[in-house]
N, C-alpha and C. Protein backbone atom coordinates (compact mmCIF):
# COMPACT_ATOMS: atom_id res chain seq x y z
N MET A 1 91.95 114.05 99.34
CA MET A 1 91.76 114.78 98.11
C MET A 1 91.37 116.21 98.45
N GLY A 2 91.87 117.13 97.71
CA GLY A 2 91.48 118.51 97.87
C GLY A 2 90.86 119.02 96.59
N TRP A 3 89.72 119.62 96.68
CA TRP A 3 88.98 120.07 95.50
C TRP A 3 89.03 121.58 95.32
N LYS A 4 89.25 122.33 96.38
CA LYS A 4 89.27 123.79 96.32
C LYS A 4 90.67 124.30 96.66
N TRP A 5 91.00 125.49 96.19
CA TRP A 5 92.33 126.03 96.47
C TRP A 5 92.58 126.14 97.96
N GLN A 6 91.54 126.38 98.76
CA GLN A 6 91.71 126.47 100.21
C GLN A 6 92.24 125.17 100.79
N ASP A 7 91.94 124.07 100.12
CA ASP A 7 92.38 122.77 100.61
C ASP A 7 93.87 122.53 100.38
N SER A 8 94.51 123.39 99.62
CA SER A 8 95.93 123.20 99.33
C SER A 8 96.81 123.39 100.56
N VAL A 9 96.26 123.92 101.64
CA VAL A 9 97.07 124.14 102.86
C VAL A 9 97.05 122.94 103.79
N ILE A 10 96.44 121.83 103.38
CA ILE A 10 96.38 120.68 104.28
C ILE A 10 97.76 120.14 104.62
N TRP A 11 98.75 120.40 103.80
CA TRP A 11 100.10 119.94 104.12
C TRP A 11 100.66 120.70 105.32
N ILE A 12 100.09 121.86 105.62
CA ILE A 12 100.49 122.62 106.81
C ILE A 12 99.64 122.19 108.01
N THR A 13 98.33 122.15 107.80
CA THR A 13 97.41 121.87 108.91
C THR A 13 97.34 120.39 109.25
N LYS A 14 97.66 119.53 108.29
CA LYS A 14 97.57 118.07 108.44
C LYS A 14 96.13 117.62 108.71
N ARG A 15 95.16 118.45 108.32
CA ARG A 15 93.75 118.11 108.47
C ARG A 15 93.19 117.70 107.12
N ALA A 16 92.17 116.89 107.16
CA ALA A 16 91.49 116.48 105.92
C ALA A 16 90.71 117.67 105.37
N PRO A 17 90.67 117.81 104.05
CA PRO A 17 89.87 118.89 103.47
C PRO A 17 88.39 118.67 103.72
N ASP A 18 87.63 119.73 103.69
CA ASP A 18 86.18 119.66 103.89
C ASP A 18 85.53 119.35 102.54
N GLU A 19 85.79 118.18 102.04
CA GLU A 19 85.34 117.75 100.72
C GLU A 19 85.04 116.26 100.75
N PRO A 20 84.37 115.75 99.72
CA PRO A 20 84.14 114.30 99.65
C PRO A 20 85.48 113.56 99.67
N SER A 21 85.51 112.42 100.32
CA SER A 21 86.73 111.63 100.37
C SER A 21 86.38 110.15 100.41
N PHE A 22 87.41 109.32 100.34
CA PHE A 22 87.24 107.88 100.45
C PHE A 22 88.49 107.31 101.09
N MET A 23 88.38 106.11 101.59
CA MET A 23 89.51 105.43 102.19
C MET A 23 90.03 104.40 101.19
N VAL A 24 91.28 104.52 100.80
CA VAL A 24 91.87 103.62 99.81
C VAL A 24 91.80 102.18 100.29
N GLU A 25 92.03 101.96 101.59
CA GLU A 25 92.01 100.58 102.09
C GLU A 25 90.65 99.92 101.91
N ASP A 26 89.59 100.71 101.75
CA ASP A 26 88.25 100.14 101.53
C ASP A 26 88.04 99.66 100.11
N ILE A 27 88.85 100.14 99.17
CA ILE A 27 88.62 99.79 97.76
C ILE A 27 89.80 99.14 97.06
N ILE A 28 90.97 99.13 97.67
CA ILE A 28 92.18 98.69 96.96
C ILE A 28 92.08 97.24 96.47
N GLU A 29 91.37 96.40 97.19
CA GLU A 29 91.24 95.00 96.76
C GLU A 29 90.32 94.86 95.55
N LYS A 30 89.54 95.90 95.26
CA LYS A 30 88.56 95.84 94.18
C LYS A 30 89.02 96.50 92.89
N VAL A 31 90.21 97.07 92.88
CA VAL A 31 90.70 97.80 91.72
C VAL A 31 90.97 96.88 90.53
N SER A 32 91.50 95.71 90.80
CA SER A 32 91.82 94.74 89.75
C SER A 32 90.55 94.41 88.97
N PRO A 33 90.64 94.29 87.66
CA PRO A 33 91.82 94.08 86.82
C PRO A 33 92.47 95.36 86.31
N VAL A 34 92.04 96.52 86.77
CA VAL A 34 92.70 97.76 86.38
C VAL A 34 94.08 97.79 87.02
N PRO A 35 95.13 98.11 86.27
CA PRO A 35 96.48 98.15 86.85
C PRO A 35 96.58 99.20 87.95
N LEU A 36 97.30 98.85 88.99
CA LEU A 36 97.54 99.77 90.11
C LEU A 36 99.01 100.13 90.13
N ALA A 37 99.30 101.39 89.90
CA ALA A 37 100.67 101.91 89.97
C ALA A 37 100.77 102.80 91.19
N GLU A 38 101.57 102.40 92.16
CA GLU A 38 101.75 103.15 93.41
C GLU A 38 103.13 103.79 93.39
N ILE A 39 103.17 105.10 93.50
CA ILE A 39 104.44 105.83 93.61
C ILE A 39 104.43 106.49 94.97
N HIS A 40 105.39 106.13 95.81
CA HIS A 40 105.34 106.57 97.20
C HIS A 40 106.67 107.17 97.65
N SER A 41 106.57 108.21 98.44
CA SER A 41 107.74 108.86 99.02
C SER A 41 108.18 108.12 100.29
N THR A 42 109.47 108.04 100.49
CA THR A 42 110.00 107.39 101.68
C THR A 42 109.64 108.13 102.96
N HIS A 43 109.35 109.42 102.86
CA HIS A 43 109.04 110.22 104.05
C HIS A 43 107.70 110.94 103.90
N ASP A 44 106.72 110.22 103.37
CA ASP A 44 105.37 110.77 103.22
C ASP A 44 104.80 111.05 104.60
N GLU A 45 104.38 112.29 104.83
CA GLU A 45 103.87 112.66 106.14
C GLU A 45 102.42 112.26 106.37
N PHE A 46 101.74 111.84 105.31
CA PHE A 46 100.35 111.43 105.44
C PHE A 46 100.20 109.91 105.57
N LEU A 47 101.06 109.16 104.89
CA LEU A 47 101.00 107.70 104.95
C LEU A 47 102.43 107.15 105.02
N PRO A 48 102.85 106.71 106.18
CA PRO A 48 104.20 106.16 106.32
C PRO A 48 104.42 104.99 105.36
N ILE A 49 105.65 104.82 104.94
CA ILE A 49 105.99 103.81 103.93
C ILE A 49 105.58 102.41 104.36
N GLU A 50 105.75 102.06 105.61
CA GLU A 50 105.37 100.71 106.05
C GLU A 50 103.87 100.49 105.93
N GLN A 51 103.09 101.50 106.25
CA GLN A 51 101.64 101.40 106.09
C GLN A 51 101.27 101.28 104.61
N ALA A 52 101.96 102.03 103.77
CA ALA A 52 101.70 101.97 102.33
C ALA A 52 101.99 100.58 101.79
N LYS A 53 103.06 99.96 102.25
CA LYS A 53 103.41 98.61 101.80
C LYS A 53 102.35 97.59 102.22
N VAL A 54 101.85 97.72 103.44
CA VAL A 54 100.81 96.81 103.93
C VAL A 54 99.55 96.97 103.09
N MET A 55 99.16 98.21 102.83
CA MET A 55 97.97 98.45 102.03
C MET A 55 98.16 97.95 100.60
N PHE A 56 99.32 98.21 100.01
CA PHE A 56 99.61 97.76 98.65
C PHE A 56 99.56 96.25 98.54
N ALA A 57 99.99 95.55 99.57
CA ALA A 57 99.98 94.09 99.56
C ALA A 57 98.55 93.54 99.44
N ARG A 58 97.57 94.30 99.87
CA ARG A 58 96.17 93.87 99.79
C ARG A 58 95.62 93.93 98.36
N ALA A 59 96.25 94.71 97.51
CA ALA A 59 95.78 94.85 96.13
C ALA A 59 96.08 93.59 95.34
N ARG A 60 95.26 93.35 94.34
CA ARG A 60 95.48 92.20 93.45
C ARG A 60 96.28 92.65 92.23
N ASP A 61 96.84 91.71 91.54
CA ASP A 61 97.56 91.99 90.29
C ASP A 61 96.58 92.40 89.21
N PRO A 62 97.04 93.19 88.27
CA PRO A 62 98.40 93.70 88.11
C PRO A 62 98.64 94.92 89.00
N LYS A 63 99.79 94.92 89.63
CA LYS A 63 100.16 96.03 90.50
C LYS A 63 101.67 96.17 90.51
N ARG A 64 102.11 97.40 90.76
CA ARG A 64 103.54 97.65 90.88
C ARG A 64 103.73 98.89 91.74
N MET A 65 104.75 98.84 92.58
CA MET A 65 105.04 99.95 93.49
C MET A 65 106.43 100.51 93.24
N TRP A 66 106.51 101.82 93.18
CA TRP A 66 107.78 102.53 93.08
C TRP A 66 107.95 103.33 94.36
N ILE A 67 109.11 103.22 94.98
CA ILE A 67 109.40 103.98 96.20
C ILE A 67 110.53 104.95 95.87
N ILE A 68 110.27 106.21 96.16
CA ILE A 68 111.23 107.27 95.83
C ILE A 68 111.74 107.91 97.11
N GLU A 69 113.05 108.02 97.22
CA GLU A 69 113.65 108.72 98.36
C GLU A 69 113.29 110.20 98.22
N ALA A 70 112.44 110.67 99.13
CA ALA A 70 112.00 112.06 99.11
C ALA A 70 111.62 112.49 100.51
N VAL A 71 111.66 113.79 100.76
CA VAL A 71 111.47 114.32 102.11
C VAL A 71 110.01 114.46 102.54
N ASN A 72 109.07 114.35 101.58
CA ASN A 72 107.67 114.55 101.97
C ASN A 72 106.71 113.98 100.92
N HIS A 73 105.44 114.15 101.18
CA HIS A 73 104.37 113.66 100.31
C HIS A 73 104.45 114.29 98.91
N ARG A 74 104.97 115.49 98.83
CA ARG A 74 105.06 116.23 97.57
C ARG A 74 106.34 115.95 96.80
N PHE A 75 107.19 115.09 97.31
CA PHE A 75 108.47 114.75 96.65
C PHE A 75 109.30 116.01 96.40
N SER A 76 109.21 116.97 97.32
CA SER A 76 109.80 118.30 97.11
C SER A 76 111.26 118.30 96.68
N ASN A 77 112.05 117.42 97.25
CA ASN A 77 113.47 117.42 96.93
C ASN A 77 113.85 116.42 95.83
N ASN A 78 112.86 115.78 95.22
CA ASN A 78 113.19 114.76 94.23
C ASN A 78 112.12 114.69 93.12
N ARG A 79 111.73 115.83 92.62
CA ARG A 79 110.68 115.88 91.59
C ARG A 79 111.14 115.23 90.28
N GLU A 80 112.41 115.32 89.98
CA GLU A 80 112.91 114.70 88.75
C GLU A 80 112.71 113.19 88.78
N GLU A 81 113.00 112.59 89.93
CA GLU A 81 112.80 111.14 90.07
C GLU A 81 111.30 110.82 89.99
N LEU A 82 110.47 111.65 90.58
CA LEU A 82 109.02 111.45 90.49
C LEU A 82 108.58 111.48 89.03
N ASP A 83 109.06 112.44 88.28
CA ASP A 83 108.70 112.53 86.85
C ASP A 83 109.12 111.27 86.10
N ARG A 84 110.34 110.79 86.37
CA ARG A 84 110.82 109.58 85.70
C ARG A 84 109.95 108.38 86.05
N ARG A 85 109.64 108.23 87.32
CA ARG A 85 108.83 107.09 87.76
C ARG A 85 107.40 107.17 87.25
N MET A 86 106.85 108.37 87.14
CA MET A 86 105.50 108.52 86.57
C MET A 86 105.48 108.06 85.12
N LEU A 87 106.49 108.46 84.36
CA LEU A 87 106.58 108.02 82.97
C LEU A 87 106.77 106.51 82.89
N GLU A 88 107.59 105.97 83.77
CA GLU A 88 107.80 104.52 83.82
C GLU A 88 106.50 103.79 84.16
N ALA A 89 105.74 104.33 85.10
CA ALA A 89 104.47 103.71 85.48
C ALA A 89 103.48 103.74 84.32
N LEU A 90 103.41 104.86 83.62
CA LEU A 90 102.51 104.95 82.46
C LEU A 90 102.92 103.97 81.36
N GLU A 91 104.21 103.82 81.15
CA GLU A 91 104.71 102.86 80.16
C GLU A 91 104.37 101.43 80.58
N TRP A 92 104.52 101.13 81.86
CA TRP A 92 104.17 99.81 82.39
C TRP A 92 102.70 99.51 82.14
N ILE A 93 101.84 100.47 82.42
CA ILE A 93 100.40 100.28 82.20
C ILE A 93 100.12 100.10 80.71
N LYS A 94 100.73 100.90 79.89
CA LYS A 94 100.55 100.81 78.44
C LYS A 94 100.95 99.43 77.93
N ASN A 95 102.07 98.91 78.42
CA ASN A 95 102.55 97.60 77.97
C ASN A 95 101.65 96.47 78.42
N LEU A 96 100.96 96.64 79.53
CA LEU A 96 100.02 95.62 79.99
C LEU A 96 98.83 95.49 79.04
N ARG A 97 98.48 96.57 78.40
CA ARG A 97 97.31 96.59 77.53
C ARG A 97 97.60 96.00 76.15
N GLN A 98 98.87 95.77 75.83
CA GLN A 98 99.22 95.26 74.49
C GLN A 98 99.23 93.76 74.44
């Protein structure tokens, strides 16, 4: 997580920001019953897709994962697909609540 504008360069430095942080693997099993929507890039430079799948498998239902073919963590070459999947994820969560 980056909290200050200076932290926006972590995609260049590949260093963690000097801010509070947490490890998702420490809490992912505890998220339920809150729905977990994971949208992941195929070429995320911070968390490889195989690692993301292993971590996602540890989560309890309800959960759903969307994988988007993209060149990096920011989905730089496929923002339209990211937008579509974000809307789909929000709709999925909304439908769970009904």
